[in-house]
């Protein structure tokens, strides 16, 4: 079960500050609480704008170079799409792209 104790343990295991995360969450709301109808969350609103702009409101979605990836969401297909997005691909992509290093 995910609860506050679980979250604190995860932060500790990852070496993250639970207090910093808690402050970030609190600061992301525009009102004194998150129950009021006129309160909104700036982070969530930014994500909604991003989804609308890139058309990624269907999960799972991937954006590569500010373009929504349309294709099979499986490791090799996504890897190929990432590699294809480079003007000068890194060495590990060259074999996949069937290109010789420069």
C-alpha atoms as a PDB file:
ATOM      1  CA  UNK A   1       0.000   0.000   0.000  1.00  0.00           C
ATOM      2  CA  UNK A   2       1.281   3.460  -0.875  1.00  0.00           C
ATOM      3  CA  UNK A   3       0.993   5.816   2.084  1.00  0.00           C
ATOM      4  CA  UNK A   4       3.050   8.520   3.775  1.00  0.00           C
ATOM      5  CA  UNK A   5       5.296   6.007   5.545  1.00  0.00           C
ATOM      6  CA  UNK A   6       5.959   4.164   2.272  1.00  0.00           C
ATOM      7  CA  UNK A   7       6.770   7.453   0.546  1.00  0.00           C
ATOM      8  CA  UNK A   8       9.177   8.465   3.321  1.00  0.00           C
ATOM      9  CA  UNK A   9      10.974   5.102   3.104  1.00  0.00           C
ATOM     10  CA  UNK A  10      11.252   5.430  -0.686  1.00  0.00           C
ATOM     11  CA  UNK A  11      12.717   8.922  -0.356  1.00  0.00           C
ATOM     12  CA  UNK A  12      15.222   7.674   2.203  1.00  0.00           C
ATOM     13  CA  UNK A  13      16.246   4.706   0.030  1.00  0.00           C
ATOM     14  CA  UNK A  14      16.756   7.034  -2.962  1.00  0.00           C
ATOM     15  CA  UNK A  15      18.597   9.649  -0.918  1.00  0.00           C
ATOM     16  CA  UNK A  16      15.928  12.284  -1.545  1.00  0.00           C
ATOM     17  CA  UNK A  17      14.528  14.864   0.826  1.00  0.00           C
ATOM     18  CA  UNK A  18      10.942  14.068   1.776  1.00  0.00           C
ATOM     19  CA  UNK A  19      10.579  17.617   3.149  1.00  0.00           C
ATOM     20  CA  UNK A  20      11.617  19.105  -0.249  1.00  0.00           C
ATOM     21  CA  UNK A  21       9.026  16.966  -2.035  1.00  0.00           C
ATOM     22  CA  UNK A  22       6.379  17.891   0.505  1.00  0.00           C
ATOM     23  CA  UNK A  23       7.180  21.611   0.033  1.00  0.00           C
ATOM     24  CA  UNK A  24       7.065  21.246  -3.756  1.00  0.00           C
ATOM     25  CA  UNK A  25       3.609  19.681  -3.561  1.00  0.00           C
ATOM     26  CA  UNK A  26       2.319  22.361  -1.193  1.00  0.00           C
ATOM     27  CA  UNK A  27       3.749  25.188  -3.330  1.00  0.00           C
ATOM     28  CA  UNK A  28       2.200  23.781  -6.508  1.00  0.00           C
ATOM     29  CA  UNK A  29      -1.321  24.585  -5.260  1.00  0.00           C
ATOM     30  CA  UNK A  30      -2.675  28.108  -5.693  1.00  0.00           C
ATOM     31  CA  UNK A  31      -4.888  28.170  -2.616  1.00  0.00           C
ATOM     32  CA  UNK A  32      -4.539  27.444   1.057  1.00  0.00           C
ATOM     33  CA  UNK A  33      -5.798  23.882   0.553  1.00  0.00           C
ATOM     34  CA  UNK A  34      -6.496  21.494  -2.319  1.00  0.00           C
ATOM     35  CA  UNK A  35     -10.167  20.993  -1.495  1.00  0.00           C
ATOM     36  CA  UNK A  36     -11.520  24.410  -2.545  1.00  0.00           C
ATOM     37  CA  UNK A  37     -13.122  24.607  -5.968  1.00  0.00           C
ATOM     38  CA  UNK A  38     -11.092  27.688  -6.912  1.00  0.00           C
ATOM     39  CA  UNK A  39      -7.756  26.045  -6.065  1.00  0.00           C
ATOM     40  CA  UNK A  40      -5.700  24.544  -8.870  1.00  0.00           C
ATOM     41  CA  UNK A  41      -2.347  22.851  -9.178  1.00  0.00           C
ATOM     42  CA  UNK A  42       0.201  24.610 -11.383  1.00  0.00           C
ATOM     43  CA  UNK A  43       2.172  21.422 -12.138  1.00  0.00           C
ATOM     44  CA  UNK A  44      -0.929  19.491 -13.177  1.00  0.00           C
ATOM     45  CA  UNK A  45      -2.172  22.431 -15.261  1.00  0.00           C
ATOM     46  CA  UNK A  46       1.197  22.601 -17.052  1.00  0.00           C
ATOM     47  CA  UNK A  47       0.973  18.850 -17.770  1.00  0.00           C
ATOM     48  CA  UNK A  48      -2.540  19.261 -19.197  1.00  0.00           C
ATOM     49  CA  UNK A  49      -1.308  22.048 -21.506  1.00  0.00           C
ATOM     50  CA  UNK A  50       1.600  19.796 -22.590  1.00  0.00           C
ATOM     51  CA  UNK A  51      -0.774  16.888 -23.296  1.00  0.00           C
ATOM     52  CA  UNK A  52      -3.038  19.093 -25.380  1.00  0.00           C
ATOM     53  CA  UNK A  53      -0.165  20.656 -27.327  1.00  0.00           C
ATOM     54  CA  UNK A  54       1.587  17.348 -28.121  1.00  0.00           C
ATOM     55  CA  UNK A  55      -1.505  15.154 -28.286  1.00  0.00           C
ATOM     56  CA  UNK A  56      -0.196  12.843 -25.594  1.00  0.00           C
ATOM     57  CA  UNK A  57      -3.330  12.580 -23.496  1.00  0.00           C
ATOM     58  CA  UNK A  58      -3.531   8.849 -24.151  1.00  0.00           C
ATOM     59  CA  UNK A  59      -1.366   6.610 -22.000  1.00  0.00           C
ATOM     60  CA  UNK A  60       1.232   5.508 -22.482  1.00  0.00           C
ATOM     61  CA  UNK A  61       2.646   8.279 -24.673  1.00  0.00           C
ATOM     62  CA  UNK A  62       6.164   9.271 -25.652  1.00  0.00           C
ATOM     63  CA  UNK A  63       7.429  12.616 -26.951  1.00  0.00           C
ATOM     64  CA  UNK A  64      10.712  12.659 -28.888  1.00  0.00           C
ATOM     65  CA  UNK A  65      12.134  16.000 -30.011  1.00  0.00           C
ATOM     66  CA  UNK A  66       8.840  17.735 -29.223  1.00  0.00           C
ATOM     67  CA  UNK A  67       6.869  15.349 -31.460  1.00  0.00           C
ATOM     68  CA  UNK A  68       4.481  12.690 -30.224  1.00  0.00           C
ATOM     69  CA  UNK A  69       5.818   9.244 -31.105  1.00  0.00           C
ATOM     70  CA  UNK A  70       3.285   7.178 -33.020  1.00  0.00           C
ATOM     71  CA  UNK A  71       4.173   3.530 -33.133  1.00  0.00           C
ATOM     72  CA  UNK A  72       4.608   0.405 -31.088  1.00  0.00           C
ATOM     73  CA  UNK A  73       5.542   1.249 -27.524  1.00  0.00           C
ATOM     74  CA  UNK A  74       7.964  -1.585 -27.037  1.00  0.00           C
ATOM     75  CA  UNK A  75      11.685  -1.221 -26.291  1.00  0.00           C
ATOM     76  CA  UNK A  76      13.225  -1.797 -29.730  1.00  0.00           C
ATOM     77  CA  UNK A  77      10.724   0.401 -31.582  1.00  0.00           C
ATOM     78  CA  UNK A  78      11.175   3.273 -29.135  1.00  0.00           C
ATOM     79  CA  UNK A  79      14.968   2.819 -29.215  1.00  0.00           C
ATOM     80  CA  UNK A  80      14.924   2.989 -33.024  1.00  0.00           C
ATOM     81  CA  UNK A  81      12.796   6.145 -32.924  1.00  0.00           C
ATOM     82  CA  UNK A  82      15.156   7.755 -30.413  1.00  0.00           C
ATOM     83  CA  UNK A  83      18.190   6.878 -32.529  1.00  0.00           C
ATOM     84  CA  UNK A  84      16.502   8.176 -35.684  1.00  0.00           C
ATOM     85  CA  UNK A  85      15.990  11.536 -33.969  1.00  0.00           C
ATOM     86  CA  UNK A  86      19.721  12.344 -33.851  1.00  0.00           C
ATOM     87  CA  UNK A  87      21.434  14.358 -36.587  1.00  0.00           C
ATOM     88  CA  UNK A  88      24.684  12.710 -35.498  1.00  0.00           C
ATOM     89  CA  UNK A  89      23.614   9.556 -33.664  1.00  0.00           C
ATOM     90  CA  UNK A  90      25.736   8.181 -30.834  1.00  0.00           C
ATOM     91  CA  UNK A  91      27.862   5.107 -31.504  1.00  0.00           C
ATOM     92  CA  UNK A  92      25.362   2.703 -29.938  1.00  0.00           C
ATOM     93  CA  UNK A  93      22.700   3.812 -32.451  1.00  0.00           C
ATOM     94  CA  UNK A  94      24.775   3.371 -35.603  1.00  0.00           C
ATOM     95  CA  UNK A  95      24.379  -0.409 -35.801  1.00  0.00           C
ATOM     96  CA  UNK A  96      20.616  -0.143 -35.314  1.00  0.00           C
ATOM     97  CA  UNK A  97      20.414   2.527 -38.011  1.00  0.00           C
ATOM     98  CA  UNK A  98      22.722   0.512 -40.305  1.00  0.00           C
ATOM     99  CA  UNK A  99      25.130   3.444 -40.603  1.00  0.00           C
ATOM    100  CA  UNK A 100      28.877   3.642 -40.399  1.00  0.00           C
ATOM    101  CA  UNK A 101      30.577   6.067 -37.995  1.00  0.00           C
ATOM    102  CA  UNK A 102      31.851   9.308 -39.524  1.00  0.00           C
END
